[in-house]
PDB file of N, CA and C in Angstrom:
ATOM      1  N   MET A   1      43.422  -1.956  56.823  1.00  0.00           N
ATOM      2  CA  MET A   1      43.499  -0.626  56.296  1.00  0.00           C
ATOM      3  C   MET A   1      44.892  -0.477  55.527  1.00  0.00           C
ATOM      4  N   HIS A   2      45.876  -0.995  56.150  1.00  0.00           N
ATOM      5  CA  HIS A   2      47.231  -0.916  55.527  1.00  0.00           C
ATOM      6  C   HIS A   2      47.281  -1.553  54.175  1.00  0.00           C
ATOM      7  N   SER A   3      46.549  -2.706  53.985  1.00  0.00           N
ATOM      8  CA  SER A   3      46.497  -3.422  52.750  1.00  0.00           C
ATOM      9  C   SER A   3      45.789  -2.597  51.684  1.00  0.00           C
ATOM     10  N   LEU A   4      44.752  -1.911  52.104  1.00  0.00           N
ATOM     11  CA  LEU A   4      43.992  -1.081  51.118  1.00  0.00           C
ATOM     12  C   LEU A   4      44.895   0.079  50.602  1.00  0.00           C
ATOM     13  N   ILE A   5      45.626   0.723  51.471  1.00  0.00           N
ATOM     14  CA  ILE A   5      46.555   1.806  51.102  1.00  0.00           C
ATOM     15  C   ILE A   5      47.663   1.314  50.110  1.00  0.00           C
ATOM     16  N   THR A   6      48.184   0.112  50.499  1.00  0.00           N
ATOM     17  CA  THR A   6      49.247  -0.466  49.639  1.00  0.00           C
ATOM     18  C   THR A   6      48.617  -0.728  48.243  1.00  0.00           C
ATOM     19  N   ARG A   7      47.431  -1.337  48.198  1.00  0.00           N
ATOM     20  CA  ARG A   7      46.807  -1.568  46.929  1.00  0.00           C
ATOM     21  C   ARG A   7      46.577  -0.307  46.099  1.00  0.00           C
ATOM     22  N   LEU A   8      46.122   0.706  46.763  1.00  0.00           N
ATOM     23  CA  LEU A   8      45.897   1.982  46.089  1.00  0.00           C
ATOM     24  C   LEU A   8      47.180   2.546  45.529  1.00  0.00           C
ATOM     25  N   LYS A   9      48.298   2.517  46.349  1.00  0.00           N
ATOM     26  CA  LYS A   9      49.562   2.992  45.895  1.00  0.00           C
ATOM     27  C   LYS A   9      50.018   2.219  44.633  1.00  0.00           C
ATOM     28  N   THR A  10      49.902   0.866  44.698  1.00  0.00           N
ATOM     29  CA  THR A  10      50.258  -0.004  43.554  1.00  0.00           C
ATOM     30  C   THR A  10      49.440   0.361  42.354  1.00  0.00           C
ATOM     31  N   PHE A  11      48.154   0.538  42.515  1.00  0.00           N
ATOM     32  CA  PHE A  11      47.280   0.913  41.403  1.00  0.00           C
ATOM     33  C   PHE A  11      47.734   2.237  40.818  1.00  0.00           C
ATOM     34  N   HIS A  12      48.099   3.203  41.570  1.00  0.00           N
ATOM     35  CA  HIS A  12      48.429   4.504  41.156  1.00  0.00           C
ATOM     36  C   HIS A  12      49.724   4.430  40.347  1.00  0.00           C
ATOM     37  N   ARG A  13      50.690   3.535  40.700  1.00  0.00           N
ATOM     38  CA  ARG A  13      51.965   3.414  39.964  1.00  0.00           C
ATOM     39  C   ARG A  13      51.825   2.584  38.752  1.00  0.00           C
ATOM     40  N   ASP A  14      50.771   1.817  38.602  1.00  0.00           N
ATOM     41  CA  ASP A  14      50.642   0.916  37.492  1.00  0.00           C
ATOM     42  C   ASP A  14      50.294   1.725  36.210  1.00  0.00           C
ATOM     43  N   GLU A  15      51.138   1.643  35.206  1.00  0.00           N
ATOM     44  CA  GLU A  15      50.952   2.414  34.015  1.00  0.00           C
ATOM     45  C   GLU A  15      50.596   1.596  32.773  1.00  0.00           C
ATOM     46  N   ASP A  16      50.226   0.327  32.927  1.00  0.00           N
ATOM     47  CA  ASP A  16      49.904  -0.535  31.834  1.00  0.00           C
ATOM     48  C   ASP A  16      48.629  -0.014  31.103  1.00  0.00           C
ATOM     49  N   GLY A  17      47.681   0.404  31.824  1.00  0.00           N
ATOM     50  CA  GLY A  17      46.404   0.863  31.191  1.00  0.00           C
ATOM     51  C   GLY A  17      46.659   2.195  30.467  1.00  0.00           C
ATOM     52  N   VAL A  18      47.530   3.073  30.993  1.00  0.00           N
ATOM     53  CA  VAL A  18      47.775   4.288  30.356  1.00  0.00           C
ATOM     54  C   VAL A  18      48.503   4.012  29.043  1.00  0.00           C
ATOM     55  N   THR A  19      49.420   3.076  29.007  1.00  0.00           N
ATOM     56  CA  THR A  19      50.150   2.726  27.789  1.00  0.00           C
ATOM     57  C   THR A  19      49.193   2.200  26.736  1.00  0.00           C
ATOM     58  N   ALA A  20      48.299   1.403  27.112  1.00  0.00           N
ATOM     59  CA  ALA A  20      47.250   0.855  26.204  1.00  0.00           C
ATOM     60  C   ALA A  20      46.401   1.926  25.550  1.00  0.00           C
ATOM     61  N   ILE A  21      46.004   2.896  26.370  1.00  0.00           N
ATOM     62  CA  ILE A  21      45.230   4.076  25.890  1.00  0.00           C
ATOM     63  C   ILE A  21      46.071   4.896  24.918  1.00  0.00           C
ATOM     64  N   GLU A  22      47.319   5.107  25.259  1.00  0.00           N
ATOM     65  CA  GLU A  22      48.152   5.910  24.365  1.00  0.00           C
ATOM     66  C   GLU A  22      48.254   5.190  23.025  1.00  0.00           C
ATOM     67  N   TYR A  23      48.570   3.901  23.036  1.00  0.00           N
ATOM     68  CA  TYR A  23      48.650   3.111  21.773  1.00  0.00           C
ATOM     69  C   TYR A  23      47.332   3.229  20.939  1.00  0.00           C
ATOM     70  N   GLY A  24      46.260   3.193  21.665  1.00  0.00           N
ATOM     71  CA  GLY A  24      44.904   3.244  20.998  1.00  0.00           C
ATOM     72  C   GLY A  24      44.774   4.663  20.316  1.00  0.00           C
ATOM     73  N   LEU A  25      45.165   5.706  21.045  1.00  0.00           N
ATOM     74  CA  LEU A  25      45.093   7.063  20.393  1.00  0.00           C
ATOM     75  C   LEU A  25      46.042   7.181  19.242  1.00  0.00           C
ATOM     76  N   ILE A  26      47.178   6.600  19.316  1.00  0.00           N
ATOM     77  CA  ILE A  26      48.126   6.698  18.191  1.00  0.00           C
ATOM     78  C   ILE A  26      47.535   5.971  17.029  1.00  0.00           C
ATOM     79  N   ALA A  27      46.973   4.797  17.276  1.00  0.00           N
ATOM     80  CA  ALA A  27      46.427   4.028  16.139  1.00  0.00           C
ATOM     81  C   ALA A  27      45.209   4.760  15.461  1.00  0.00           C
ATOM     82  N   ALA A  28      44.377   5.439  16.337  1.00  0.00           N
ATOM     83  CA  ALA A  28      43.313   6.239  15.796  1.00  0.00           C
ATOM     84  C   ALA A  28      43.841   7.355  14.959  1.00  0.00           C
ATOM     85  N   LEU A  29      44.828   8.015  15.416  1.00  0.00           N
ATOM     86  CA  LEU A  29      45.383   9.158  14.664  1.00  0.00           C
ATOM     87  C   LEU A  29      45.977   8.691  13.323  1.00  0.00           C
ATOM     88  N   ILE A  30      46.667   7.551  13.304  1.00  0.00           N
ATOM     89  CA  ILE A  30      47.209   7.003  12.112  1.00  0.00           C
ATOM     90  C   ILE A  30      46.069   6.659  11.159  1.00  0.00           C
ATOM     91  N   ALA A  31      45.004   6.082  11.637  1.00  0.00           N
ATOM     92  CA  ALA A  31      43.870   5.721  10.794  1.00  0.00           C
ATOM     93  C   ALA A  31      43.199   6.972  10.156  1.00  0.00           C
ATOM     94  N   VAL A  32      43.103   8.029  10.902  1.00  0.00           N
ATOM     95  CA  VAL A  32      42.548   9.298  10.416  1.00  0.00           C
ATOM     96  C   VAL A  32      43.430   9.885   9.299  1.00  0.00           C
ATOM     97  N   VAL A  33      44.746   9.825   9.533  1.00  0.00           N
ATOM     98  CA  VAL A  33      45.682  10.287   8.423  1.00  0.00           C
ATOM     99  C   VAL A  33      45.595   9.473   7.207  1.00  0.00           C
ATOM    100  N   ILE A  34      45.512   8.117   7.318  1.00  0.00           N
ATOM    101  CA  ILE A  34      45.373   7.267   6.208  1.00  0.00           C
ATOM    102  C   ILE A  34      44.108   7.548   5.453  1.00  0.00           C
ATOM    103  N   ILE A  35      42.952   7.665   6.144  1.00  0.00           N
ATOM    104  CA  ILE A  35      41.715   7.908   5.557  1.00  0.00           C
ATOM    105  C   ILE A  35      41.763   9.256   4.735  1.00  0.00           C
ATOM    106  N   ALA A  36      42.323  10.282   5.318  1.00  0.00           N
ATOM    107  CA  ALA A  36      42.401  11.583   4.674  1.00  0.00           C
ATOM    108  C   ALA A  36      43.240  11.513   3.448  1.00  0.00           C
ATOM    109  N   THR A  37      44.375  10.761   3.533  1.00  0.00           N
ATOM    110  CA  THR A  37      45.246  10.636   2.399  1.00  0.00           C
ATOM    111  C   THR A  37      44.607   9.919   1.253  1.00  0.00           C
ATOM    112  N   VAL A  38      43.976   8.745   1.538  1.00  0.00           N
ATOM    113  CA  VAL A  38      43.331   8.027   0.524  1.00  0.00           C
ATOM    114  C   VAL A  38      42.238   8.726  -0.162  1.00  0.00           C
ATOM    115  N   LYS A  39      41.438   9.503   0.635  1.00  0.00           N
ATOM    116  CA  LYS A  39      40.335  10.335   0.040  1.00  0.00           C
ATOM    117  C   LYS A  39      40.978  11.360  -0.884  1.00  0.00           C
ATOM    118  N   THR A  40      42.006  12.005  -0.468  1.00  0.00           N
ATOM    119  CA  THR A  40      42.669  13.086  -1.349  1.00  0.00           C
ATOM    120  C   THR A  40      43.229  12.428  -2.633  1.00  0.00           C
ATOM    121  N   VAL A  41      43.928  11.322  -2.522  1.00  0.00           N
ATOM    122  CA  VAL A  41      44.548  10.689  -3.645  1.00  0.00           C
ATOM    123  C   VAL A  41      43.421  10.130  -4.568  1.00  0.00           C
ATOM    124  N   GLY A  42      42.323   9.596  -4.003  1.00  0.00           N
ATOM    125  CA  GLY A  42      41.207   9.139  -4.790  1.00  0.00           C
ATOM    126  C   GLY A  42      40.631  10.226  -5.635  1.00  0.00           C
ATOM    127  N   THR A  43      40.401  11.369  -5.012  1.00  0.00           N
ATOM    128  CA  THR A  43      39.788  12.529  -5.680  1.00  0.00           C
ATOM    129  C   THR A  43      40.727  12.979  -6.846  1.00  0.00           C
ATOM    130  N   ASN A  44      42.104  13.039  -6.600  1.00  0.00           N
ATOM    131  CA  ASN A  44      42.952  13.477  -7.568  1.00  0.00           C
ATOM    132  C   ASN A  44      43.092  12.443  -8.684  1.00  0.00           C
ATOM    133  N   LEU A  45      43.085  11.148  -8.352  1.00  0.00           N
ATOM    134  CA  LEU A  45      43.166  10.110  -9.354  1.00  0.00           C
ATOM    135  C   LEU A  45      41.873  10.109 -10.203  1.00  0.00           C
ATOM    136  N   SER A  46      40.724  10.360  -9.691  1.00  0.00           N
ATOM    137  CA  SER A  46      39.517  10.466 -10.358  1.00  0.00           C
ATOM    138  C   SER A  46      39.573  11.604 -11.421  1.00  0.00           C
ATOM    139  N   GLY A  47      40.152  12.657 -11.064  1.00  0.00           N
ATOM    140  CA  GLY A  47      40.411  13.786 -11.996  1.00  0.00           C
ATOM    141  C   GLY A  47      41.276  13.422 -13.173  1.00  0.00           C
ATOM    142  N   VAL A  48      42.368  12.703 -12.781  1.00  0.00           N
ATOM    143  CA  VAL A  48      43.343  12.253 -13.847  1.00  0.00           C
ATOM    144  C   VAL A  48      42.601  11.339 -14.866  1.00  0.00           C
ATOM    145  N   PHE A  49      41.834  10.355 -14.327  1.00  0.00           N
ATOM    146  CA  PHE A  49      41.140   9.440 -15.257  1.00  0.00           C
ATOM    147  C   PHE A  49      40.119  10.161 -16.084  1.00  0.00           C
ATOM    148  N   SER A  50      39.447  11.159 -15.564  1.00  0.00           N
ATOM    149  CA  SER A  50      38.452  11.985 -16.298  1.00  0.00           C
ATOM    150  C   SER A  50      39.130  12.661 -17.360  1.00  0.00           C
ATOM    151  N   PHE A  51      40.338  13.244 -17.129  1.00  0.00           N
ATOM    152  CA  PHE A  51      41.029  14.045 -18.174  1.00  0.00           C
ATOM    153  C   PHE A  51      41.500  13.082 -19.265  1.00  0.00           C
ATOM    154  N   ILE A  52      42.009  11.847 -18.860  1.00  0.00           N
ATOM    155  CA  ILE A  52      42.454  10.904 -19.902  1.00  0.00           C
ATOM    156  C   ILE A  52      41.284  10.411 -20.759  1.00  0.00           C
ATOM    157  N   GLY A  53      40.125  10.162 -20.091  1.00  0.00           N
ATOM    158  CA  GLY A  53      38.984   9.742 -20.874  1.00  0.00           C
ATOM    159  C   GLY A  53      38.511  10.787 -21.805  1.00  0.00           C
ATOM    160  N   ALA A  54      38.546  12.040 -21.392  1.00  0.00           N
ATOM    161  CA  ALA A  54      38.136  13.157 -22.311  1.00  0.00           C
ATOM    162  C   ALA A  54      39.089  13.324 -23.448  1.00  0.00           C
ATOM    163  N   GLU A  55      40.353  13.136 -23.184  1.00  0.00           N
ATOM    164  CA  GLU A  55      41.345  13.262 -24.269  1.00  0.00           C
ATOM    165  C   GLU A  55      41.230  12.159 -25.275  1.00  0.00           C
ATOM    166  N   LEU A  56      40.882  10.950 -24.886  1.00  0.00           N
ATOM    167  CA  LEU A  56      40.784   9.813 -25.707  1.00  0.00           C
ATOM    168  C   LEU A  56      39.483   9.865 -26.589  1.00  0.00           C
ATOM    169  N   ALA A  57      38.451  10.523 -26.120  1.00  0.00           N
ATOM    170  CA  ALA A  57      37.208  10.628 -26.826  1.00  0.00           C
ATOM    171  C   ALA A  57      37.346  11.676 -27.833  1.00  0.00           C
TER     172      ALA A  57
END
């Protein structure tokens, strides 16, 4: 029984899994920001090229 309690206390203090989850959440947030930025820039760039094409014609 003492061994089980010791293992549970050790498991409770172990923060390696929590750190991995935090890094995963940070990576996901960065990916969402990059996707939103690329979409916005792509839309704006498409408008610029459309304007240039209209002016050249």
